[in-house]
Every structure is written in C-alpha cells, then in structure tokens.
Amino acid sequence: MRIFFVFLFLFTLNCSSNKVSNNHGFKSLQEKFKKITINKTNKNDMLKIIGPPSSVSNFNKNKWLYIERMKTNQSIFKLGIKKINKNNILIVEFNNKGILKNKKILKLNDMNDIEYVKAITEKDFKQNNILFNILSSLREKANAPTKNRAKNR
C-alpha cells in the first residue's frame, strides 16, 4: 500500500501546472497589425509581414482575412472543455492597385452571441374565405366514397 501512495505522490509531482493551449491560425496578429499602414502597405508587403491570408472574400477579391485563435484547457475537473483566450480576426482591404486602403481587427469581445427569433410567421391567407370552403368541400366529397367502401368491406 505504501508503494501505491509513493507512486501516486511522484505522479502528481510530475504533472505540469501549465495549461495546454491550442493555437489556430496566425500568432501575434495584433503586433503584425501595427506594422501595416494604410496607403503604404501593398499586397506583397502583406505577404512578407504576415503571410498568405486565411481566407479571401468571395465577393471582393481585394478583401483578405487573417484568423488567430487560442484555446486553453480550463481544468482537470471540466473534462477537456476549452476556453477561448484569443479570437482575433484581421480584415484588410486593398484598392484596385493593390495598396492597403482599410484595416480592421476584431477581438474576442467583438464576438456576438446569436439569438434566434422565437416569433412565429403568420400566414397571409385565411381559411374562412369562399374559395377555401369550396375546395375543402370538394375534397371531402372526393374522399367520402373511399371511406364508405372501406366500411362496407
């Protein structure tokens, strides 16, 4: 039994108190954001400073997106649930000549929680109009013989 406690004690000493972080995308995007200047930096400079973009807009080929995300394990008791520590998105837009005309960085605090609309869409037609009454009575008459045949069998 003493061997078990010694082994358990040594095992807990070897466990690291550092939390494991998973990085996705580019590192230190805020510092690179400071290095680029509007009306001076071009597409080639962007490729040298930051690298190729994470994504290019489908609607505007002159809009590039760079993503940086860092998730960290919270604790042993939370069973692998990770917390988002960094979530930066750099949006740069170039003019037709390839020179930077706009830059914007979105941070973790800029993330929005999406709330779904709980309202129910009302229908435009009414079931008490004359046409609806005529069609529903025709449907009932068309289905009536099948009901009678099923009862007679």
Protein backbone atom coordinates (compact mmCIF):
# COMPACT_ATOMS: atom_id res chain seq x y z
CA MET A 1 0.00 0.00 0.00
CA ARG A 2 2.91 2.33 0.71
CA ILE A 3 4.26 1.73 -2.78
CA PHE A 4 0.94 2.87 -4.24
CA PHE A 5 0.99 6.15 -2.25
CA VAL A 6 4.62 6.80 -3.18
CA PHE A 7 3.79 6.19 -6.84
CA LEU A 8 0.73 8.47 -6.60
CA PHE A 9 2.80 11.19 -4.89
CA LEU A 10 5.51 11.05 -7.57
CA PHE A 11 2.92 11.03 -10.33
CA THR A 12 1.26 14.20 -9.01
CA LEU A 13 4.63 15.93 -8.68
CA ASN A 14 5.38 15.25 -12.34
CA CYS A 15 2.09 16.70 -13.52
CA SER A 16 2.59 20.10 -15.02
CA SER A 17 0.65 23.07 -13.76
CA ASN A 18 0.90 24.69 -17.19
CA LYS A 19 -2.31 24.57 -19.17
CA VAL A 20 -2.22 23.18 -22.69
CA SER A 21 -3.03 25.74 -25.38
CA ASN A 22 -4.08 25.02 -28.94
CA ASN A 23 -3.31 27.74 -31.48
CA HIS A 24 -5.13 28.01 -34.78
CA GLY A 25 -4.14 30.44 -37.49
CA PHE A 26 -1.53 33.17 -37.12
CA LYS A 27 0.32 34.07 -33.91
CA SER A 28 0.65 37.64 -32.57
CA LEU A 29 -1.76 39.14 -35.07
CA GLN A 30 -2.12 42.37 -33.06
CA GLU A 31 1.61 43.12 -33.33
CA LYS A 32 1.57 42.50 -37.07
CA PHE A 33 -1.49 44.75 -37.31
CA LYS A 34 0.67 47.62 -36.03
CA LYS A 35 3.31 47.02 -38.73
CA ILE A 36 0.96 47.57 -41.67
CA THR A 37 -0.01 51.12 -42.65
CA ILE A 38 -2.87 52.37 -44.76
CA ASN A 39 -1.94 53.84 -48.18
CA LYS A 40 1.64 52.47 -47.90
CA THR A 41 1.48 48.69 -47.50
CA ASN A 42 0.68 46.66 -50.60
CA LYS A 43 -0.25 43.01 -51.18
CA ASN A 44 3.38 41.90 -51.50
CA ASP A 45 4.26 43.61 -48.20
CA MET A 46 1.33 41.85 -46.54
CA LEU A 47 2.60 38.50 -47.78
CA LYS A 48 6.05 39.29 -46.32
CA ILE A 49 4.81 40.63 -42.97
CA ILE A 50 2.00 38.21 -42.20
CA GLY A 51 1.86 35.62 -44.96
CA PRO A 52 -0.93 34.33 -47.16
CA PRO A 53 -4.43 35.10 -45.87
CA SER A 54 -6.56 32.55 -44.05
CA SER A 55 -9.39 33.40 -46.41
CA VAL A 56 -10.17 35.71 -49.32
CA SER A 57 -13.67 37.14 -49.67
CA ASN A 58 -15.74 35.51 -52.40
CA PHE A 59 -17.46 38.78 -53.20
CA ASN A 60 -14.42 41.06 -53.13
CA LYS A 61 -11.05 39.55 -54.07
CA ASN A 62 -9.34 42.60 -52.57
CA LYS A 63 -10.55 41.73 -49.04
CA TRP A 64 -8.29 39.36 -47.09
CA LEU A 65 -8.98 37.76 -43.72
CA TYR A 66 -6.41 36.57 -41.18
CA ILE A 67 -7.50 34.47 -38.20
CA GLU A 68 -5.83 33.90 -34.83
CA ARG A 69 -7.48 31.69 -32.21
CA MET A 70 -6.10 30.25 -28.99
CA LYS A 71 -7.99 27.77 -26.81
CA THR A 72 -6.77 26.59 -23.41
CA ASN A 73 -7.89 23.68 -21.25
CA GLN A 74 -9.68 25.02 -18.19
CA SER A 75 -9.02 22.35 -15.57
CA ILE A 76 -8.99 18.62 -14.98
CA PHE A 77 -12.47 18.81 -13.47
CA LYS A 78 -14.03 20.34 -16.60
CA LEU A 79 -13.08 17.23 -18.61
CA GLY A 80 -11.39 18.80 -21.62
CA ILE A 81 -13.73 21.75 -22.11
CA LYS A 82 -11.62 24.51 -23.60
CA LYS A 83 -11.87 28.23 -23.08
CA ILE A 84 -11.23 30.68 -25.93
CA ASN A 85 -8.44 33.04 -24.79
CA LYS A 86 -7.80 34.82 -28.10
CA ASN A 87 -10.02 35.20 -31.10
CA ASN A 88 -8.61 37.88 -33.39
CA ILE A 89 -9.67 38.41 -36.98
CA LEU A 90 -7.74 40.89 -39.12
CA ILE A 91 -9.66 42.22 -42.11
CA VAL A 92 -7.61 44.10 -44.70
CA GLU A 93 -8.96 45.64 -47.88
CA PHE A 94 -6.94 46.76 -50.87
CA ASN A 95 -7.77 49.20 -53.65
CA ASN A 96 -7.60 48.24 -57.34
CA LYS A 97 -3.86 48.93 -57.42
CA GLY A 98 -3.16 46.53 -54.54
CA ILE A 99 -2.45 49.18 -51.89
CA LEU A 100 -3.98 48.85 -48.44
CA LYS A 101 -6.99 51.14 -48.07
CA ASN A 102 -8.59 49.78 -44.90
CA LYS A 103 -7.62 47.57 -41.96
CA LYS A 104 -9.67 46.38 -39.03
CA ILE A 105 -9.09 43.90 -36.23
CA LEU A 106 -11.92 42.15 -34.42
CA LYS A 107 -11.14 40.80 -30.94
CA LEU A 108 -12.75 38.31 -28.59
CA ASN A 109 -15.02 40.97 -27.11
CA ASP A 110 -16.40 41.75 -30.57
CA MET A 111 -17.92 38.28 -30.88
CA ASN A 112 -21.70 38.36 -30.83
CA ASP A 113 -23.96 35.75 -29.33
CA ILE A 114 -26.58 34.96 -31.93
CA GLU A 115 -30.11 34.96 -30.61
CA TYR A 116 -32.66 33.13 -32.64
CA VAL A 117 -36.00 34.72 -33.32
CA LYS A 118 -38.78 32.95 -31.47
CA ALA A 119 -41.62 34.72 -33.25
CA ILE A 120 -43.86 32.64 -35.47
CA THR A 121 -44.51 33.76 -39.01
CA GLU A 122 -48.19 34.31 -39.64
CA LYS A 123 -49.75 33.06 -42.85
CA ASP A 124 -51.16 35.56 -45.30
CA PHE A 125 -54.21 33.59 -46.40
CA LYS A 126 -57.32 32.93 -44.35
CA GLN A 127 -59.11 29.63 -44.12
CA ASN A 128 -62.56 31.16 -43.94
CA ASN A 129 -62.70 32.59 -47.46
CA ILE A 130 -65.11 31.30 -50.11
CA LEU A 131 -62.51 29.58 -52.30
CA PHE A 132 -61.06 27.63 -49.37
CA ASN A 133 -64.57 26.48 -48.35
CA ILE A 134 -65.39 25.31 -51.89
CA LEU A 135 -62.12 23.40 -52.30
CA SER A 136 -62.34 21.77 -48.88
CA SER A 137 -65.93 20.63 -49.50
CA LEU A 138 -64.87 19.18 -52.89
CA ARG A 139 -62.02 17.34 -51.20
CA GLU A 140 -64.38 15.91 -48.58
CA LYS A 141 -66.81 14.73 -51.27
CA ALA A 142 -63.98 13.18 -53.28
CA ASN A 143 -62.72 11.28 -50.26
CA ALA A 144 -66.19 10.27 -48.99
CA PRO A 145 -66.71 7.27 -51.34
CA THR A 146 -63.40 5.76 -50.29
CA LYS A 147 -64.48 5.94 -46.66
CA ASN A 148 -67.78 4.26 -47.45
CA ARG A 149 -66.08 1.50 -49.47
CA ALA A 150 -63.68 0.80 -46.64
CA LYS A 151 -66.63 0.41 -44.18
CA ASN A 152 -68.55 -1.93 -46.49
CA ARG A 153 -65.68 -4.41 -46.87
